[in-house]
Amino acid sequence: MLAGESGLGKTTFINTLFSTTLKTHADPKVRHQTPVQKTVEIGITKAELEEKSFKVHLNVIDTPGFGDNVNNRNSWLPLVEFIDDQHESYLRQEQQPNRQNLHDLRIHVCLYFVRPTGHGLKPLDVEVMKQLATRVNLVPVIAKADTLEPGEIKLFKQRIRQILEAQNIQIYKPEIDDKTTEEEADQIKSLIQAMPFTVIGSENDVETADGRIVKGRQYLWGVSEVENDDHCDFRKLRLLLIRSHMLDLIKSTEDVHYESYRAKQMQNRKFGEPKTKKFDNPSFKEDEDNLRKRFTEQVKEEEQRFRQWEQNLIAERDRLNKDLESTHAVIRKLEIEVEQLSLRRR
């Protein structure tokens, strides 16, 4: 899963990571013409990659619309619900008599892209990572590392680590056990020291000053290389995701996050009982509030119209009663005149 604000290069990164176009870029001209979505959408891209007869079935879950609004309250709910729904789907399949060919869409790792401000994490980032860290292997990533100087990157990483520790946010860290060799232990230590990883995304080949053709970005001062450890941590992140710890991420999802979800559901509900929605969809809630508000306004308008119509009826009734009384008075006067005329004739 790729999470983070728009414009941080998530699509470019995933294409660079697998050296192929897994996701197409949104047209920037059309992108800013389309109306801003009120809620976060979940987009799934499925791909089958093969290298040296080794096949990988890859599902990339993107979260367009995250953090785009002025008010991003509860914008993380669709992400959390999607992760829980995948655990729920797998749990229901496990409860069936035939448990072969299970359809598994559980999220094994979530890359959370942080904007390279150099100051620290925003409250939205802290809240989202708190919710994600208890459900999925969370790996924070500092996007567009070429916009910061090496000293700024070092200080920025230190601040992020301090915030994560203060907020008790558990990110994914590979473990060192008795079976780990000395070489592997050194490698894991270098990965942990590099967290949060800095990345530079580029799908273009550029030529360096010494004549090498590399993936990177061309600037007036030189070339920012994607696979240069002095420029960013792209190689270390790639090593963690698809080389050294891919199986560990899958196993951690199975043994830790899925089992935690399964245990909670078994404690709180009966067998076969549907999952209760912990969070209301913010889009439905907003639509419901708007409809309720519109209904209340229409009721008030109709009540006003009814009161006005009632007042008009009362006024018309009073007018007709006065006209009737006047007519009765005229009739009575005429009757008296007729009686007087009759008496004179006699």
Protein backbone atom coordinates (compact mmCIF):
# COMPACT_ATOMS: atom_id res chain seq x y z
CA MET A 1 0.00 0.00 0.00
CA LEU A 2 1.18 3.48 -0.91
CA ALA A 3 -0.09 6.18 1.44
CA GLY A 4 0.68 9.86 1.69
CA GLU A 5 -0.29 13.19 0.21
CA SER A 6 -0.62 13.71 -3.52
CA GLY A 7 2.37 14.96 -5.45
CA LEU A 8 5.04 13.09 -3.47
CA GLY A 9 6.03 10.77 -6.33
CA LYS A 10 4.35 7.52 -5.21
CA THR A 11 3.60 6.44 -8.78
CA THR A 12 7.10 7.30 -9.96
CA PHE A 13 8.62 5.41 -7.03
CA ILE A 14 6.70 2.18 -7.64
CA ASN A 15 7.56 2.26 -11.35
CA THR A 16 11.21 2.89 -10.53
CA LEU A 17 11.25 0.14 -7.90
CA PHE A 18 10.18 -2.57 -10.36
CA SER A 19 11.76 -0.99 -13.47
CA THR A 20 8.49 -1.08 -15.36
CA THR A 21 5.34 0.99 -15.74
CA LEU A 22 2.99 -0.54 -13.19
CA LYS A 23 0.93 2.62 -12.75
CA THR A 24 0.31 5.35 -15.28
CA HIS A 25 0.76 8.96 -14.27
CA ALA A 26 -2.25 11.22 -14.02
CA ASP A 27 -2.28 14.02 -16.58
CA PRO A 28 -1.41 17.18 -14.56
CA LYS A 29 -3.61 19.31 -16.84
CA VAL A 30 -6.64 17.12 -16.27
CA ARG A 31 -5.73 16.40 -12.66
CA HIS A 32 -6.29 19.97 -11.49
CA GLN A 33 -9.47 20.36 -13.57
CA THR A 34 -11.27 17.47 -11.91
CA PRO A 35 -13.17 18.29 -8.70
CA VAL A 36 -11.44 17.40 -5.43
CA GLN A 37 -12.78 14.16 -3.97
CA LYS A 38 -14.34 14.50 -0.54
CA THR A 39 -13.00 11.13 0.59
CA VAL A 40 -9.99 8.96 -0.07
CA GLU A 41 -10.34 6.48 -2.90
CA ILE A 42 -8.71 3.05 -2.93
CA GLY A 43 -7.13 2.01 -6.22
CA ILE A 44 -5.76 -1.51 -6.80
CA THR A 45 -3.23 -2.29 -9.52
CA LYS A 46 -2.50 -5.97 -10.11
CA ALA A 47 0.63 -7.19 -11.90
CA GLU A 48 2.63 -10.37 -12.42
CA LEU A 49 6.38 -9.87 -12.55
CA GLU A 50 8.94 -12.46 -13.58
CA GLU A 51 12.70 -12.35 -13.21
CA LYS A 52 14.99 -15.37 -13.67
CA SER A 53 11.97 -17.76 -13.66
CA PHE A 54 10.80 -16.29 -10.33
CA LYS A 55 7.23 -15.01 -10.50
CA VAL A 56 5.74 -12.45 -8.16
CA HIS A 57 2.03 -11.64 -8.02
CA LEU A 58 1.96 -8.00 -6.97
CA ASN A 59 -0.97 -5.90 -5.79
CA VAL A 60 -0.27 -2.19 -5.47
CA ILE A 61 -2.91 -0.33 -3.45
CA ASP A 62 -2.82 3.41 -3.97
CA THR A 63 -4.76 6.00 -1.96
CA PRO A 64 -5.46 8.98 -4.24
CA GLY A 65 -7.15 11.90 -2.53
CA PHE A 66 -5.43 11.43 0.83
CA GLY A 67 -4.54 14.76 2.45
CA ASP A 68 -5.82 16.85 -0.48
CA ASN A 69 -8.60 18.66 1.36
CA VAL A 70 -8.35 21.59 3.74
CA ASN A 71 -10.19 19.56 6.38
CA ASN A 72 -8.63 16.07 6.45
CA ARG A 73 -10.41 14.90 9.57
CA ASN A 74 -11.08 11.14 9.41
CA SER A 75 -9.47 10.94 5.95
CA TRP A 76 -7.54 7.89 7.20
CA LEU A 77 -10.70 5.84 7.83
CA PRO A 78 -10.93 4.35 4.29
CA LEU A 79 -7.31 3.12 4.59
CA VAL A 80 -7.96 1.46 7.95
CA GLU A 81 -11.26 -0.05 6.80
CA PHE A 82 -9.66 -1.44 3.65
CA ILE A 83 -6.91 -3.17 5.64
CA ASP A 84 -9.45 -4.58 8.13
CA ASP A 85 -11.73 -5.70 5.28
CA GLN A 86 -8.89 -7.76 3.76
CA HIS A 87 -8.25 -9.45 7.12
CA GLU A 88 -12.00 -10.05 7.42
CA SER A 89 -12.20 -11.55 3.92
CA TYR A 90 -9.35 -13.94 4.66
CA LEU A 91 -10.87 -14.84 8.04
CA ARG A 92 -14.20 -15.76 6.41
CA GLN A 93 -12.45 -17.92 3.82
CA GLU A 94 -10.63 -19.76 6.60
CA GLN A 95 -13.98 -20.57 8.23
CA GLN A 96 -15.23 -22.38 5.12
CA PRO A 97 -15.05 -26.20 4.78
CA ASN A 98 -12.89 -25.92 1.64
CA ARG A 99 -9.88 -23.74 2.40
CA GLN A 100 -7.88 -24.35 -0.75
CA ASN A 101 -7.07 -21.54 -3.22
CA LEU A 102 -7.70 -18.77 -0.71
CA HIS A 103 -7.95 -15.31 -2.24
CA ASP A 104 -5.47 -13.25 -0.24
CA LEU A 105 -5.46 -9.45 -0.56
CA ARG A 106 -3.96 -8.72 2.85
CA ILE A 107 -1.56 -5.78 2.95
CA HIS A 108 1.99 -6.95 3.75
CA VAL A 109 3.61 -3.52 3.88
CA CYS A 110 2.49 0.09 3.82
CA LEU A 111 4.89 2.74 2.55
CA TYR A 112 3.90 6.03 4.11
CA PHE A 113 5.35 8.96 2.16
CA VAL A 114 6.29 12.01 4.20
CA ARG A 115 6.59 15.44 2.63
CA PRO A 116 10.23 16.68 2.79
CA THR A 117 9.56 19.78 4.89
CA GLY A 118 12.60 19.26 7.10
CA HIS A 119 10.62 20.27 10.21
CA GLY A 120 8.94 17.07 11.36
CA LEU A 121 5.69 15.17 11.00
CA LYS A 122 2.35 16.91 10.63
CA PRO A 123 -0.51 16.01 13.00
CA LEU A 124 -2.23 14.19 10.12
CA ASP A 125 0.87 12.05 9.54
CA VAL A 126 1.09 11.17 13.24
CA GLU A 127 -2.60 10.22 13.49
CA VAL A 128 -2.55 8.10 10.32
CA MET A 129 0.63 6.25 11.24
CA LYS A 130 -0.78 5.52 14.70
CA GLN A 131 -3.76 3.78 13.12
CA LEU A 132 -1.75 1.96 10.43
CA ALA A 133 1.08 0.74 12.66
CA THR A 134 -1.25 -1.55 14.63
CA ARG A 135 -2.63 -3.15 11.46
CA VAL A 136 0.18 -3.42 8.91
CA ASN A 137 3.96 -3.40 8.55
CA LEU A 138 4.55 0.35 8.37
CA VAL A 139 7.62 1.78 6.62
CA PRO A 140 7.93 5.60 6.60
CA VAL A 141 9.54 7.09 3.49
CA ILE A 142 10.81 10.64 3.01
CA ALA A 143 9.86 11.57 -0.55
CA LYS A 144 11.86 13.76 -2.93
CA ALA A 145 15.07 13.58 -0.93
CA ASP A 146 16.87 15.63 -3.59
CA THR A 147 15.09 18.75 -2.29
CA LEU A 148 17.00 18.57 1.01
CA GLU A 149 20.69 18.92 1.81
CA PRO A 150 22.51 16.02 3.55
CA GLY A 151 22.59 17.89 6.86
CA GLU A 152 18.87 18.66 6.61
CA ILE A 153 18.10 15.02 5.84
CA LYS A 154 20.05 13.83 8.88
CA LEU A 155 18.24 16.29 11.16
CA PHE A 156 14.86 15.50 9.58
CA LYS A 157 15.33 11.76 10.14
CA GLN A 158 16.29 12.39 13.76
CA ARG A 159 13.16 14.48 14.35
CA ILE A 160 10.91 11.85 12.78
CA ARG A 161 12.45 9.10 14.95
CA GLN A 162 11.89 11.24 18.06
CA ILE A 163 8.23 11.84 17.14
CA LEU A 164 7.64 8.15 16.40
CA GLU A 165 9.16 7.18 19.75
CA ALA A 166 7.25 9.87 21.67
CA GLN A 167 3.95 8.82 20.07
CA ASN A 168 4.74 5.11 20.55
CA ILE A 169 4.33 4.36 16.83
CA GLN A 170 5.84 0.97 16.03
CA ILE A 171 7.25 0.89 12.50
CA TYR A 172 8.53 -2.27 10.83
CA LYS A 173 12.10 -3.18 11.81
CA PRO A 174 13.80 -6.41 10.77
CA GLU A 175 14.91 -8.53 13.70
CA ILE A 176 18.27 -10.12 14.44
CA ASP A 177 18.09 -13.61 15.95
CA ASP A 178 20.45 -16.52 16.62
CA LYS A 179 20.19 -17.77 13.03
CA THR A 180 21.29 -14.42 11.60
CA THR A 181 24.82 -14.43 10.27
CA GLU A 182 27.26 -11.65 11.06
CA GLU A 183 27.00 -10.31 7.50
CA GLU A 184 23.20 -10.34 7.63
CA ALA A 185 23.26 -8.65 11.06
CA ASP A 186 25.43 -5.83 9.71
CA GLN A 187 23.05 -5.46 6.79
CA ILE A 188 20.00 -5.30 9.07
CA LYS A 189 21.71 -2.73 11.33
CA SER A 190 22.42 -0.51 8.30
CA LEU A 191 18.75 -0.78 7.27
CA ILE A 192 17.52 0.17 10.75
CA GLN A 193 19.95 3.09 10.94
CA ALA A 194 18.69 4.38 7.56
CA MET A 195 15.03 4.49 8.68
CA PRO A 196 13.02 6.47 7.71
CA PHE A 197 14.25 5.85 4.18
CA THR A 198 14.86 8.73 1.79
CA VAL A 199 13.99 8.12 -1.86
CA ILE A 200 14.38 9.84 -5.21
CA GLY A 201 12.02 8.67 -7.92
CA SER A 202 12.88 8.88 -11.60
CA GLU A 203 12.03 6.72 -14.60
CA ASN A 204 14.43 8.56 -16.92
CA ASP A 205 18.03 7.73 -17.80
CA VAL A 206 20.48 10.60 -17.49
CA GLU A 207 24.22 10.90 -18.09
CA THR A 208 26.53 11.81 -15.24
CA ALA A 209 29.63 14.00 -15.47
CA ASP A 210 31.84 10.90 -15.69
CA GLY A 211 29.84 9.46 -18.59
CA ARG A 212 27.70 6.90 -16.72
CA ILE A 213 24.03 6.35 -17.69
CA VAL A 214 21.94 6.15 -14.53
CA LYS A 215 18.38 6.57 -13.30
CA GLY A 216 18.12 10.03 -11.85
CA ARG A 217 17.26 13.68 -12.25
CA GLN A 218 19.32 16.26 -14.11
CA TYR A 219 19.95 19.60 -12.41
CA LEU A 220 22.14 22.58 -13.19
CA TRP A 221 24.52 21.54 -10.44
CA GLY A 222 24.70 17.91 -11.54
CA VAL A 223 22.75 14.63 -11.42
CA SER A 224 20.74 13.29 -8.47
CA GLU A 225 21.10 9.50 -8.75
CA VAL A 226 18.35 7.11 -7.64
CA GLU A 227 20.68 4.19 -6.86
CA ASN A 228 23.47 6.16 -5.21
CA ASP A 229 23.61 5.58 -1.44
CA ASP A 230 25.20 9.01 -1.00
CA HIS A 231 22.10 10.62 -2.53
CA CYS A 232 19.23 8.56 -1.06
CA ASP A 233 18.26 5.22 0.52
CA PHE A 234 16.48 3.80 -2.53
CA ARG A 235 18.73 0.73 -2.77
CA LYS A 236 18.29 -0.06 0.93
CA LEU A 237 14.52 0.23 0.68
CA ARG A 238 14.49 -2.00 -2.41
CA LEU A 239 16.66 -4.51 -0.56
CA LEU A 240 14.20 -4.54 2.33
CA LEU A 241 11.06 -4.86 0.20
CA ILE A 242 11.88 -7.31 -2.56
CA ARG A 243 15.19 -8.98 -1.76
CA SER A 244 16.12 -9.69 1.84
CA HIS A 245 12.89 -9.29 3.83
CA MET A 246 9.97 -9.95 1.48
CA LEU A 247 9.15 -13.27 3.14
CA ASP A 248 9.58 -11.74 6.59
CA LEU A 249 7.01 -9.04 5.72
CA ILE A 250 4.53 -11.72 4.62
CA LYS A 251 5.21 -13.82 7.71
CA SER A 252 4.88 -10.80 9.99
CA THR A 253 1.51 -10.00 8.43
CA GLU A 254 0.36 -13.58 9.05
CA ASP A 255 1.77 -14.07 12.54
CA VAL A 256 1.32 -10.61 14.05
CA HIS A 257 -1.23 -8.35 12.36
CA TYR A 258 -3.67 -10.97 11.04
CA GLU A 259 -3.55 -13.01 14.25
CA SER A 260 -4.13 -9.85 16.29
CA TYR A 261 -7.20 -9.02 14.17
CA ARG A 262 -8.44 -12.62 14.31
CA ALA A 263 -8.07 -12.80 18.10
CA LYS A 264 -10.02 -9.55 18.61
CA GLN A 265 -12.82 -10.67 16.31
CA MET A 266 -13.08 -14.08 18.00
CA GLN A 267 -13.38 -12.40 21.41
CA ASN A 268 -15.97 -9.82 20.41
CA ARG A 269 -18.38 -11.71 18.15
CA LYS A 270 -19.95 -15.09 17.59
CA PHE A 271 -19.00 -17.56 14.88
CA GLY A 272 -20.46 -16.53 11.52
CA GLU A 273 -21.66 -13.18 12.82
CA PRO A 274 -20.93 -10.31 10.39
CA LYS A 275 -18.28 -7.78 11.26
CA THR A 276 -19.54 -4.63 12.88
CA LYS A 277 -18.49 -1.44 11.19
CA LYS A 278 -16.28 0.38 13.66
CA PHE A 279 -16.09 3.50 11.53
CA ASP A 280 -18.75 5.18 9.49
CA ASN A 281 -17.77 6.05 5.97
CA PRO A 282 -17.16 9.81 6.10
CA SER A 283 -18.67 10.31 2.65
CA PHE A 284 -21.91 8.60 3.70
CA LYS A 285 -21.93 10.52 6.97
CA GLU A 286 -21.45 13.81 5.15
CA ASP A 287 -24.16 12.97 2.60
CA GLU A 288 -26.49 11.94 5.41
CA ASP A 289 -25.85 15.21 7.26
CA ASN A 290 -26.45 17.22 4.08
CA LEU A 291 -29.71 15.36 3.37
CA ARG A 292 -30.87 15.82 6.95
CA LYS A 293 -30.04 19.53 6.78
CA ARG A 294 -31.84 19.90 3.44
CA PHE A 295 -34.85 18.00 4.77
CA THR A 296 -34.99 20.24 7.85
CA GLU A 297 -34.83 23.37 5.69
CA GLN A 298 -37.60 22.08 3.41
CA VAL A 299 -39.78 21.26 6.43
CA LYS A 300 -39.25 24.77 7.78
CA GLU A 301 -40.11 26.29 4.39
CA GLU A 302 -43.27 24.15 4.13
CA GLU A 303 -44.29 25.10 7.68
CA GLN A 304 -43.83 28.77 6.82
CA ARG A 305 -45.92 28.37 3.68
CA PHE A 306 -48.60 26.53 5.66
CA ARG A 307 -48.71 29.24 8.32
CA GLN A 308 -48.96 31.94 5.64
CA TRP A 309 -51.69 29.99 3.86
CA GLU A 310 -53.53 29.55 7.19
CA GLN A 311 -53.28 33.29 7.92
CA ASN A 312 -54.57 34.06 4.44
CA LEU A 313 -57.50 31.71 4.97
CA ILE A 314 -58.34 33.31 8.32
CA ALA A 315 -58.13 36.78 6.79
CA GLU A 316 -60.34 35.69 3.87
CA ARG A 317 -62.83 34.12 6.28
CA ASP A 318 -62.99 37.33 8.34
CA ARG A 319 -63.50 39.37 5.17
CA LEU A 320 -66.30 37.09 3.98
CA ASN A 321 -67.94 37.18 7.43
CA LYS A 322 -67.86 40.97 7.39
CA ASP A 323 -69.32 41.01 3.88
CA LEU A 324 -72.00 38.56 5.00
CA GLU A 325 -72.85 40.70 8.02
CA SER A 326 -73.02 43.77 5.81
CA THR A 327 -75.30 41.91 3.39
CA HIS A 328 -77.49 40.73 6.26
CA ALA A 329 -77.70 44.30 7.56
CA VAL A 330 -78.75 45.54 4.11
CA ILE A 331 -81.31 42.74 3.81
CA ARG A 332 -82.65 43.51 7.28
CA LYS A 333 -82.92 47.18 6.42
CA LEU A 334 -84.80 46.35 3.22
CA GLU A 335 -87.12 44.05 5.13
CA ILE A 336 -87.92 46.85 7.57
CA GLU A 337 -88.62 49.26 4.71
CA VAL A 338 -90.91 46.70 3.10
CA GLU A 339 -92.82 46.26 6.36
CA GLN A 340 -93.20 50.05 6.74
CA LEU A 341 -94.54 50.35 3.17
CA SER A 342 -97.02 47.58 3.81
CA LEU A 343 -98.31 49.30 6.94
CA ARG A 344 -98.81 52.62 5.10
CA ARG A 345 -100.90 50.96 2.39
CA ARG A 346 -103.24 49.55 4.95
